[in-house]
Amino acid sequence: MCAETKKKPSKTAKPSSPAGPAKTHDTTGAKSDARQSSPRCVTADVTAQAQAAQAARAAPRPSVAARRVDVTDLILARAPRPRTICAACGAPEAKAHCGNCRLAYCGARCQRRHWKSGGHRDRCDDVRRIGLDQYVANAQANAARERAVATYVAEAATAACGFCGKGGQLLRACDGCEAGAGFFHLECLAAYAATVAARDGARSERFQPWFACRACGDDFRGVGRLAVAREAWRVYNGLHPTDLHRVFAMNNLGDALGAMGLHRECLPVREDELAVGRVHFPNHTPQIEANLARCHTQLGNYAEALRLRRRVVAAVQKREGPLSRMSLEAARGLANALGDAGETDEQRAVLKQLWPRLRRALGDAHATTLSCGAKLAHALVERGHACSDSVIAEAEDILWECLEAARDGGADDVTAVALEKSLEETRRLYLAEEADDDGGKFT
């Protein structure tokens, strides 16, 4: 490599003027450079630099989805609402945002600190290029995959991918396969599932690889299920809201988050799903509202869950009639929401209408019918000793009918034992009430 000689300042150079340094021309230094830099060496340097630049342009840019998850990506991946969380410190409800990539910040101080640390500077253009929603989906998919791989790292040491037959970062999402089987690379599963989903046929068959094992047929569960659901959302997130692939991916992600107990993360997914459904899929809005109500119930937002359940019952009964199975299921959800919200009187009224309808529609020994009867009996004696003898006797009769139906209909032992226990508690309450009355006569 040719070394460049430093130019020596000329002795005849004039002092700099106040306006700025004056330009000087050192002919001696130029001649020295010319003597010590051969044309062959200069040509070699230029050629090498040109080849390196061409190779850099031709090399594919690393995928954002495949990039290692760093601190900022983890903040975005774990946030229930990534659009409003500070990308620097993780504080919720950040009000400011970057004008280029729309990452949220607490203010200019957090943004400057994040830029100087390289966290913002390294990703600002990438986020703008693919969009914040897609970037967050990529970060969430990467984080979920790393967690799933770490969970099964010991079991996967001697396993192979069920698609390509190779090892590496393997995970599994089912319990039906034998030990050492059922493992796969998430990329291999995503490629296979995307191919199947693009075919013609029934919707359940087209999307099955995204939620069920190809080998044993069991539904996915656990951290593997969440990793697959995150990957599906990463693949289909950028499609139009009316695209069925995107609709499925959003619903599947909400189901996976709910099954994992991540209800804070599930809530914004259900809210976005409802916003899309109200505009493009109004017939599916009641089902989406029921899913959202279930999420609010798990978070303890009983008033909001009750409001949504009332909307679901009104919409379904108007469309299907009060005796349809969908209406009965909606009424059962309303009764549960009323109980959670402490509206016991209205809950009793709803259950008194619902239980006879379930007996006609599903049969006396159906699990839903038995559950409704037990809840009705429990609601009747909710106040304990404050209940009248007739109310306690009514609850006892309901439980006895349910127990006989369970025995005659071949219900499982768990259901029968639970009904027997409820019946014993109700009888004990009735006997205690009679003892109190007898004691009062002798005083």
Protein backbone atom coordinates (compact mmCIF):
# COMPACT_ATOMS: atom_id res chain seq x y z
CA MET A 1 0.00 0.00 0.00
CA CYS A 2 1.42 3.40 -0.93
CA ALA A 3 2.14 5.81 1.89
CA GLU A 4 1.22 9.43 1.30
CA THR A 5 3.76 12.13 2.21
CA LYS A 6 2.62 15.09 4.25
CA LYS A 7 2.93 18.45 2.56
CA LYS A 8 5.37 20.80 4.27
CA PRO A 9 4.29 24.42 4.67
CA SER A 10 6.10 26.78 2.31
CA LYS A 11 8.45 29.30 3.87
CA THR A 12 7.22 32.01 1.51
CA ALA A 13 3.55 31.56 2.46
CA LYS A 14 1.84 34.76 3.53
CA PRO A 15 0.16 34.98 6.93
CA SER A 16 -3.51 34.26 7.05
CA SER A 17 -5.86 37.13 6.63
CA PRO A 18 -8.56 37.79 9.24
CA ALA A 19 -11.22 36.52 6.83
CA GLY A 20 -9.87 32.94 6.89
CA PRO A 21 -6.86 30.83 6.02
CA ALA A 22 -5.34 31.58 2.70
CA LYS A 23 -4.84 28.89 0.10
CA THR A 24 -1.25 27.91 -0.47
CA HIS A 25 0.25 25.84 -3.26
CA ASP A 26 3.33 23.80 -2.29
CA THR A 27 4.94 22.76 -5.55
CA THR A 28 7.75 21.02 -3.70
CA GLY A 29 5.32 18.83 -1.79
CA ALA A 30 3.40 18.08 -4.98
CA LYS A 31 6.56 16.97 -6.73
CA SER A 32 7.49 14.82 -3.75
CA ASP A 33 4.03 13.19 -3.83
CA ALA A 34 4.36 12.57 -7.51
CA ARG A 35 7.77 10.96 -7.06
CA GLN A 36 6.72 8.68 -4.19
CA SER A 37 3.31 7.64 -5.59
CA SER A 38 3.70 5.42 -8.59
CA PRO A 39 0.91 5.31 -11.23
CA ARG A 40 0.64 1.54 -10.74
CA CYS A 41 -0.07 1.90 -6.99
CA VAL A 42 -2.65 4.66 -7.50
CA THR A 43 -4.43 2.60 -10.16
CA ALA A 44 -4.50 -0.42 -7.86
CA ASP A 45 -6.01 1.63 -5.01
CA VAL A 46 -8.70 3.11 -7.23
CA THR A 47 -9.55 -0.30 -8.69
CA ALA A 48 -9.79 -1.91 -5.23
CA GLN A 49 -12.01 0.88 -3.94
CA ALA A 50 -14.30 0.63 -6.96
CA GLN A 51 -14.61 -3.13 -6.59
CA ALA A 52 -15.36 -2.83 -2.87
CA ALA A 53 -18.03 -0.21 -3.51
CA GLN A 54 -19.62 -2.33 -6.24
CA ALA A 55 -19.63 -5.40 -3.98
CA ALA A 56 -21.23 -3.40 -1.17
CA ARG A 57 -23.99 -2.20 -3.49
CA ALA A 58 -24.57 -5.69 -4.88
CA ALA A 59 -24.66 -7.42 -1.49
CA PRO A 60 -28.20 -7.83 -0.15
CA ARG A 61 -29.06 -5.73 2.85
CA PRO A 62 -29.65 -7.76 6.01
CA SER A 63 -33.31 -8.28 6.66
CA VAL A 64 -34.71 -6.26 9.53
CA ALA A 65 -36.67 -9.32 10.66
CA ALA A 66 -33.48 -11.39 10.83
CA ARG A 67 -31.48 -8.81 12.77
CA ARG A 68 -30.57 -9.65 16.35
CA VAL A 69 -33.06 -8.31 18.87
CA ASP A 70 -31.49 -5.43 20.82
CA VAL A 71 -32.71 -3.31 23.72
CA THR A 72 -34.87 -0.98 21.66
CA ASP A 73 -36.46 -3.86 19.77
CA LEU A 74 -37.20 -5.58 23.07
CA ILE A 75 -38.88 -2.43 24.39
CA LEU A 76 -41.09 -2.30 21.31
CA ALA A 77 -41.70 -6.07 21.31
CA ARG A 78 -42.84 -6.20 24.94
CA ALA A 79 -44.97 -3.06 24.89
CA PRO A 80 -48.75 -3.57 24.74
CA ARG A 81 -49.00 -0.40 22.64
CA PRO A 82 -45.69 0.11 20.80
CA ARG A 83 -46.88 3.25 19.03
CA THR A 84 -47.10 5.17 22.32
CA ILE A 85 -44.12 3.82 24.27
CA CYS A 86 -40.82 5.71 24.47
CA ALA A 87 -38.23 3.87 22.37
CA ALA A 88 -35.43 5.16 24.64
CA CYS A 89 -36.63 4.58 28.21
CA GLY A 90 -39.78 2.46 27.74
CA ALA A 91 -42.12 4.93 29.46
CA PRO A 92 -45.78 4.48 28.39
CA GLU A 93 -47.97 7.17 26.84
CA ALA A 94 -45.11 9.01 25.12
CA LYS A 95 -46.43 12.13 23.40
CA ALA A 96 -43.59 13.12 21.03
CA HIS A 97 -42.36 11.18 18.02
CA CYS A 98 -39.65 11.24 15.39
CA GLY A 99 -40.73 13.13 12.29
CA ASN A 100 -38.99 10.64 10.01
CA CYS A 101 -39.77 7.17 11.40
CA ARG A 102 -42.59 7.98 13.88
CA LEU A 103 -40.92 6.24 16.83
CA ALA A 104 -42.41 7.63 20.03
CA TYR A 105 -40.40 9.47 22.69
CA CYS A 106 -41.06 11.22 25.99
CA GLY A 107 -39.54 14.35 24.51
CA ALA A 108 -36.54 15.84 22.76
CA ARG A 109 -34.19 14.80 25.57
CA CYS A 110 -34.97 11.08 25.18
CA GLN A 111 -34.76 11.35 21.40
CA ARG A 112 -31.33 13.06 21.52
CA ARG A 113 -30.00 10.51 24.00
CA HIS A 114 -31.31 7.65 21.87
CA TRP A 115 -29.76 9.16 18.74
CA LYS A 116 -26.34 9.62 20.37
CA SER A 117 -26.33 6.06 21.68
CA GLY A 118 -26.94 4.75 18.16
CA GLY A 119 -30.28 3.16 18.96
CA HIS A 120 -32.25 5.61 16.85
CA ARG A 121 -29.62 6.44 14.26
CA ASP A 122 -29.16 2.76 13.35
CA ARG A 123 -32.85 2.10 12.66
CA CYS A 124 -34.48 5.40 11.69
CA ASP A 125 -34.25 4.85 7.94
CA ASP A 126 -35.19 1.17 8.23
CA VAL A 127 -38.32 2.00 10.20
CA ARG A 128 -39.34 4.64 7.69
CA ARG A 129 -38.70 2.30 4.78
CA ILE A 130 -40.90 -0.57 6.01
CA GLY A 131 -43.24 1.35 8.31
CA LEU A 132 -43.47 1.41 12.09
CA ASP A 133 -46.18 -1.27 12.28
CA GLN A 134 -44.14 -3.72 10.22
CA TYR A 135 -40.97 -2.94 12.16
CA VAL A 136 -42.74 -3.63 15.45
CA ALA A 137 -44.18 -6.86 14.04
CA ASN A 138 -40.67 -7.93 13.05
CA ALA A 139 -39.29 -7.13 16.51
CA GLN A 140 -42.13 -8.99 18.23
CA ALA A 141 -41.66 -12.03 15.99
CA ASN A 142 -37.92 -12.11 16.67
CA ALA A 143 -38.40 -11.83 20.43
CA ALA A 144 -41.06 -14.58 20.49
CA ARG A 145 -38.88 -16.86 18.36
CA GLU A 146 -35.84 -16.40 20.61
CA ARG A 147 -37.93 -17.21 23.67
CA ALA A 148 -39.37 -20.36 22.08
CA VAL A 149 -35.95 -21.55 20.88
CA ALA A 150 -34.47 -20.97 24.34
CA THR A 151 -37.32 -22.95 25.92
CA TYR A 152 -36.61 -26.08 23.86
CA VAL A 153 -32.84 -25.73 23.43
CA ALA A 154 -32.06 -28.86 25.49
CA GLU A 155 -34.66 -31.06 23.78
CA ALA A 156 -33.70 -29.80 20.32
CA ALA A 157 -29.99 -30.62 20.71
CA THR A 158 -30.39 -33.96 18.92
CA ALA A 159 -33.57 -33.17 16.96
CA ALA A 160 -34.04 -32.18 13.33
CA CYS A 161 -36.48 -29.94 11.51
CA GLY A 162 -39.55 -31.76 10.25
CA PHE A 163 -39.40 -29.78 6.99
CA CYS A 164 -35.74 -29.53 5.97
CA GLY A 165 -34.22 -32.26 8.17
CA LYS A 166 -31.50 -29.99 9.55
CA GLY A 167 -30.68 -28.86 13.07
CA GLY A 168 -30.11 -25.40 14.46
CA GLN A 169 -32.54 -23.05 16.14
CA LEU A 170 -35.49 -25.42 16.48
CA LEU A 171 -38.71 -25.07 18.41
CA ARG A 172 -41.92 -27.04 18.85
CA ALA A 173 -45.50 -26.08 19.57
CA CYS A 174 -47.44 -29.31 20.18
CA ASP A 175 -47.65 -32.15 22.71
CA GLY A 176 -48.94 -34.86 20.38
CA CYS A 177 -45.64 -35.75 18.74
CA GLU A 178 -43.25 -38.18 20.41
CA ALA A 179 -40.15 -37.01 22.24
CA GLY A 180 -37.61 -35.67 19.78
CA ALA A 181 -40.23 -35.13 17.07
CA GLY A 182 -42.38 -32.17 16.14
CA PHE A 183 -39.48 -29.71 15.92
CA PHE A 184 -39.15 -27.19 13.12
CA HIS A 185 -37.40 -24.03 12.02
CA LEU A 186 -39.82 -21.14 12.20
CA GLU A 187 -38.70 -20.02 8.75
CA CYS A 188 -39.45 -23.47 7.29
CA LEU A 189 -42.90 -23.56 8.88
CA ALA A 190 -43.65 -20.03 7.67
CA ALA A 191 -42.67 -20.91 4.10
CA TYR A 192 -44.81 -24.07 4.14
CA ALA A 193 -47.78 -22.34 5.79
CA ALA A 194 -47.66 -19.42 3.38
CA THR A 195 -47.67 -21.85 0.45
CA VAL A 196 -50.67 -23.78 1.79
CA ALA A 197 -52.57 -20.59 2.66
CA ALA A 198 -52.20 -19.37 -0.93
CA ARG A 199 -54.02 -22.42 -2.32
CA ASP A 200 -57.71 -22.70 -3.07
CA GLY A 201 -59.93 -24.55 -0.66
CA ALA A 202 -61.63 -24.30 2.70
CA ARG A 203 -60.34 -21.54 4.92
CA SER A 204 -59.71 -23.87 7.86
CA GLU A 205 -57.54 -26.15 5.72
CA ARG A 206 -55.62 -23.29 4.12
CA PHE A 207 -54.62 -21.71 7.42
CA GLN A 208 -54.23 -24.91 9.46
CA PRO A 209 -50.39 -25.00 9.25
CA TRP A 210 -50.35 -21.73 11.19
CA PHE A 211 -52.16 -23.16 14.22
CA ALA A 212 -51.89 -26.99 14.12
CA CYS A 213 -49.05 -29.49 13.84
CA ARG A 214 -48.66 -31.07 10.41
CA ALA A 215 -47.49 -34.39 11.90
CA CYS A 216 -49.89 -35.11 14.76
CA GLY A 217 -52.69 -32.62 14.02
CA ASP A 218 -52.78 -31.18 17.55
CA ASP A 219 -53.35 -27.47 17.95
CA PHE A 220 -50.31 -25.42 18.83
CA ARG A 221 -49.89 -24.29 22.42
CA GLY A 222 -47.47 -22.49 24.72
CA VAL A 223 -44.57 -20.31 23.69
CA GLY A 224 -44.31 -22.16 20.38
CA ARG A 225 -47.87 -21.20 19.51
CA LEU A 226 -47.16 -17.55 20.28
CA ALA A 227 -43.97 -17.60 18.19
CA VAL A 228 -45.87 -19.03 15.20
CA ALA A 229 -48.69 -16.51 15.64
CA ARG A 230 -46.20 -13.63 15.80
CA GLU A 231 -44.53 -14.91 12.65
CA ALA A 232 -47.87 -15.13 10.83
CA TRP A 233 -48.64 -11.54 11.81
CA ARG A 234 -45.19 -10.47 10.58
CA VAL A 235 -45.88 -12.11 7.21
CA TYR A 236 -49.42 -10.78 6.66
CA ASN A 237 -49.37 -7.48 8.57
CA GLY A 238 -48.68 -5.36 5.51
CA LEU A 239 -51.68 -6.63 3.51
CA HIS A 240 -54.94 -4.75 3.06
CA PRO A 241 -57.26 -4.89 6.11
CA THR A 242 -59.85 -6.84 4.10
CA ASP A 243 -57.38 -9.56 3.06
CA LEU A 244 -58.40 -12.85 4.68
CA HIS A 245 -54.79 -13.77 5.41
CA ARG A 246 -54.38 -10.62 7.50
CA VAL A 247 -57.76 -11.10 9.19
CA PHE A 248 -56.81 -14.64 10.17
CA ALA A 249 -53.35 -13.60 11.39
CA MET A 250 -54.79 -10.88 13.64
CA ASN A 251 -57.41 -13.20 15.14
CA ASN A 252 -54.89 -15.99 15.58
CA LEU A 253 -52.49 -13.64 17.36
CA GLY A 254 -55.22 -12.48 19.74
CA ASP A 255 -56.12 -16.09 20.54
CA ALA A 256 -52.49 -17.01 21.20
CA LEU A 257 -51.92 -14.03 23.49
CA GLY A 258 -55.10 -14.79 25.40
CA ALA A 259 -54.17 -18.45 25.82
CA MET A 260 -50.79 -17.41 27.23
CA GLY A 261 -52.47 -15.07 29.73
CA LEU A 262 -50.95 -11.98 28.09
CA HIS A 263 -54.18 -10.02 28.24
CA ARG A 264 -52.55 -6.57 28.31
CA GLU A 265 -50.85 -7.40 25.00
CA CYS A 266 -54.04 -9.02 23.70
CA LEU A 267 -56.23 -5.97 24.37
CA PRO A 268 -54.84 -3.67 21.61
CA VAL A 269 -54.95 -6.56 19.14
CA ARG A 270 -58.65 -7.12 19.87
CA GLU A 271 -59.34 -3.38 19.67
CA ASP A 272 -57.66 -3.14 16.27
CA GLU A 273 -59.57 -6.22 15.15
CA LEU A 274 -62.85 -4.61 16.21
CA ALA A 275 -62.01 -1.37 14.39
CA VAL A 276 -61.40 -3.31 11.17
CA GLY A 277 -64.50 -5.46 11.67
CA ARG A 278 -66.85 -2.54 12.15
CA VAL A 279 -65.77 -1.03 8.85
CA HIS A 280 -65.26 -4.07 6.63
CA PHE A 281 -66.89 -7.09 8.36
CA PRO A 282 -69.99 -5.89 10.27
CA ASN A 283 -71.50 -9.40 10.42
CA HIS A 284 -68.51 -10.58 12.45
CA THR A 285 -68.56 -7.64 14.85
CA PRO A 286 -70.52 -9.45 17.63
CA GLN A 287 -67.97 -12.26 17.78
CA ILE A 288 -65.10 -9.77 17.89
CA GLU A 289 -66.85 -7.80 20.63
CA ALA A 290 -67.30 -11.02 22.61
CA ASN A 291 -63.56 -11.71 22.35
CA LEU A 292 -62.81 -8.15 23.45
CA ALA A 293 -65.24 -8.49 26.38
CA ARG A 294 -63.46 -11.67 27.46
CA CYS A 295 -60.16 -9.78 27.44
CA HIS A 296 -61.61 -6.94 29.54
CA THR A 297 -62.95 -9.49 32.02
CA GLN A 298 -59.50 -11.00 32.47
CA LEU A 299 -58.09 -7.53 33.10
CA GLY A 300 -60.78 -6.73 35.67
CA ASN A 301 -62.59 -4.16 33.52
CA TYR A 302 -66.00 -5.59 34.38
CA ALA A 303 -68.04 -2.51 33.47
CA GLU A 304 -66.60 -2.36 29.96
CA ALA A 305 -67.02 -6.11 29.53
CA LEU A 306 -70.68 -5.84 30.57
CA ARG A 307 -71.27 -3.02 28.09
CA LEU A 308 -69.84 -5.11 25.27
CA ARG A 309 -71.84 -8.19 26.28
CA ARG A 310 -75.07 -6.21 26.14
CA ARG A 311 -74.21 -5.07 22.62
CA VAL A 312 -73.46 -8.64 21.57
CA VAL A 313 -76.79 -9.97 22.90
CA ALA A 314 -78.79 -7.21 21.22
CA ALA A 315 -77.06 -7.67 17.86
CA VAL A 316 -77.21 -11.48 17.81
CA GLN A 317 -80.83 -11.75 18.94
CA LYS A 318 -81.87 -9.19 16.34
CA ARG A 319 -80.15 -11.14 13.57
CA GLU A 320 -80.58 -14.77 14.67
CA GLY A 321 -83.61 -14.71 16.97
CA PRO A 322 -83.69 -15.32 20.74
CA LEU A 323 -83.65 -19.14 20.52
CA SER A 324 -80.68 -19.65 18.21
CA ARG A 325 -77.53 -21.21 19.59
CA MET A 326 -75.56 -18.03 18.99
CA SER A 327 -78.15 -16.06 20.97
CA LEU A 328 -78.04 -18.58 23.81
CA GLU A 329 -74.25 -18.41 23.91
CA ALA A 330 -74.39 -14.61 23.92
CA ALA A 331 -76.92 -14.64 26.77
CA ARG A 332 -74.67 -16.98 28.75
CA GLY A 333 -71.79 -14.54 28.32
CA LEU A 334 -74.05 -11.71 29.47
CA ALA A 335 -75.02 -13.66 32.60
CA ASN A 336 -71.36 -14.21 33.45
CA ALA A 337 -70.59 -10.52 32.92
CA LEU A 338 -73.50 -9.52 35.15
CA GLY A 339 -72.17 -11.76 37.89
CA ASP A 340 -68.66 -10.30 37.57
CA ALA A 341 -70.06 -6.76 37.73
CA GLY A 342 -72.11 -7.54 40.84
CA GLU A 343 -75.49 -7.18 39.11
CA THR A 344 -76.94 -10.23 40.87
CA ASP A 345 -80.63 -9.39 40.45
CA GLU A 346 -80.34 -8.95 36.69
CA GLN A 347 -78.14 -12.04 36.47
CA ARG A 348 -80.87 -14.13 38.13
CA ALA A 349 -83.45 -12.78 35.67
CA VAL A 350 -81.25 -13.63 32.67
CA LEU A 351 -80.45 -17.12 33.97
CA LYS A 352 -84.12 -17.88 34.67
CA GLN A 353 -84.88 -17.20 31.00
CA LEU A 354 -81.77 -18.91 29.71
CA TRP A 355 -81.85 -22.24 31.56
CA PRO A 356 -85.20 -23.51 30.11
CA ARG A 357 -84.10 -22.45 26.63
CA LEU A 358 -80.85 -24.36 26.97
CA ARG A 359 -82.72 -27.46 28.14
CA ARG A 360 -84.89 -27.35 25.02
CA ALA A 361 -82.09 -26.53 22.61
CA LEU A 362 -79.20 -28.63 23.97
CA GLY A 363 -80.79 -31.16 26.31
CA ASP A 364 -80.83 -31.55 30.07
CA ALA A 365 -77.48 -33.35 30.28
CA HIS A 366 -75.47 -30.97 28.09
CA ALA A 367 -72.49 -29.44 29.87
CA THR A 368 -73.65 -25.89 29.07
CA THR A 369 -77.13 -26.62 30.43
CA LEU A 370 -75.75 -28.11 33.64
CA SER A 371 -73.39 -25.18 34.11
CA CYS A 372 -76.22 -22.69 33.62
CA GLY A 373 -78.44 -24.52 36.11
CA ALA A 374 -75.70 -24.54 38.73
CA LYS A 375 -75.07 -20.82 38.23
CA LEU A 376 -78.78 -20.09 38.55
CA ALA A 377 -78.95 -21.98 41.84
CA HIS A 378 -75.87 -20.16 43.09
CA ALA A 379 -77.32 -16.79 42.10
CA LEU A 380 -80.56 -17.57 43.93
CA VAL A 381 -78.79 -18.18 47.25
CA GLU A 382 -76.17 -15.49 46.74
CA ARG A 383 -77.35 -13.61 49.83
CA GLY A 384 -77.00 -16.69 52.07
CA HIS A 385 -79.12 -16.57 55.23
CA ALA A 386 -80.99 -13.54 53.92
CA CYS A 387 -82.75 -15.80 51.39
CA SER A 388 -86.23 -17.05 52.11
CA ASP A 389 -87.05 -20.73 52.53
CA SER A 390 -88.83 -20.84 49.18
CA VAL A 391 -85.79 -19.45 47.35
CA ILE A 392 -83.44 -21.95 49.00
CA ALA A 393 -85.86 -24.77 48.15
CA GLU A 394 -85.99 -23.58 44.53
CA ALA A 395 -82.20 -23.63 44.30
CA GLU A 396 -82.14 -27.12 45.82
CA ASP A 397 -84.68 -28.38 43.27
CA ILE A 398 -82.66 -26.95 40.38
CA LEU A 399 -79.46 -28.60 41.58
CA TRP A 400 -81.24 -31.92 42.13
CA GLU A 401 -82.62 -31.84 38.56
CA CYS A 402 -79.17 -31.07 37.21
CA LEU A 403 -77.60 -33.88 39.22
CA GLU A 404 -80.16 -36.43 38.01
CA ALA A 405 -79.70 -35.27 34.41
CA ALA A 406 -75.92 -35.56 34.76
CA ARG A 407 -76.16 -39.10 36.11
CA ASP A 408 -78.68 -40.24 33.52
CA GLY A 409 -76.86 -38.53 30.66
CA GLY A 410 -73.47 -40.00 31.51
CA ALA A 411 -71.78 -36.75 32.46
CA ASP A 412 -68.18 -36.91 33.65
CA ASP A 413 -67.39 -37.50 37.30
CA VAL A 414 -66.04 -33.99 37.82
CA THR A 415 -69.38 -32.43 36.86
CA ALA A 416 -71.36 -34.84 39.03
CA VAL A 417 -69.12 -34.27 42.05
CA ALA A 418 -69.36 -30.49 41.65
CA LEU A 419 -73.16 -30.65 41.49
CA GLU A 420 -73.30 -32.92 44.56
CA LYS A 421 -71.11 -30.49 46.48
CA SER A 422 -73.31 -27.53 45.50
CA LEU A 423 -76.41 -29.47 46.49
CA GLU A 424 -74.94 -30.33 49.90
CA GLU A 425 -74.01 -26.70 50.53
CA THR A 426 -77.51 -25.55 49.61
CA ARG A 427 -79.10 -28.17 51.88
CA ARG A 428 -76.78 -27.14 54.69
CA LEU A 429 -77.88 -23.54 54.20
CA TYR A 430 -81.52 -24.61 54.32
CA LEU A 431 -80.97 -26.65 57.50
CA ALA A 432 -79.13 -23.76 59.11
CA GLU A 433 -82.06 -21.50 58.28
CA GLU A 434 -84.48 -23.97 59.89
CA ALA A 435 -82.29 -24.22 62.99
CA ASP A 436 -82.28 -20.46 63.35
CA ASP A 437 -86.07 -20.42 63.10
CA ASP A 438 -86.42 -23.17 65.72
CA GLY A 439 -84.03 -21.41 68.03
CA GLY A 440 -86.03 -18.24 67.76
CA LYS A 441 -89.19 -20.02 68.97
CA PHE A 442 -87.57 -21.12 72.23
CA THR A 443 -86.23 -17.68 73.19
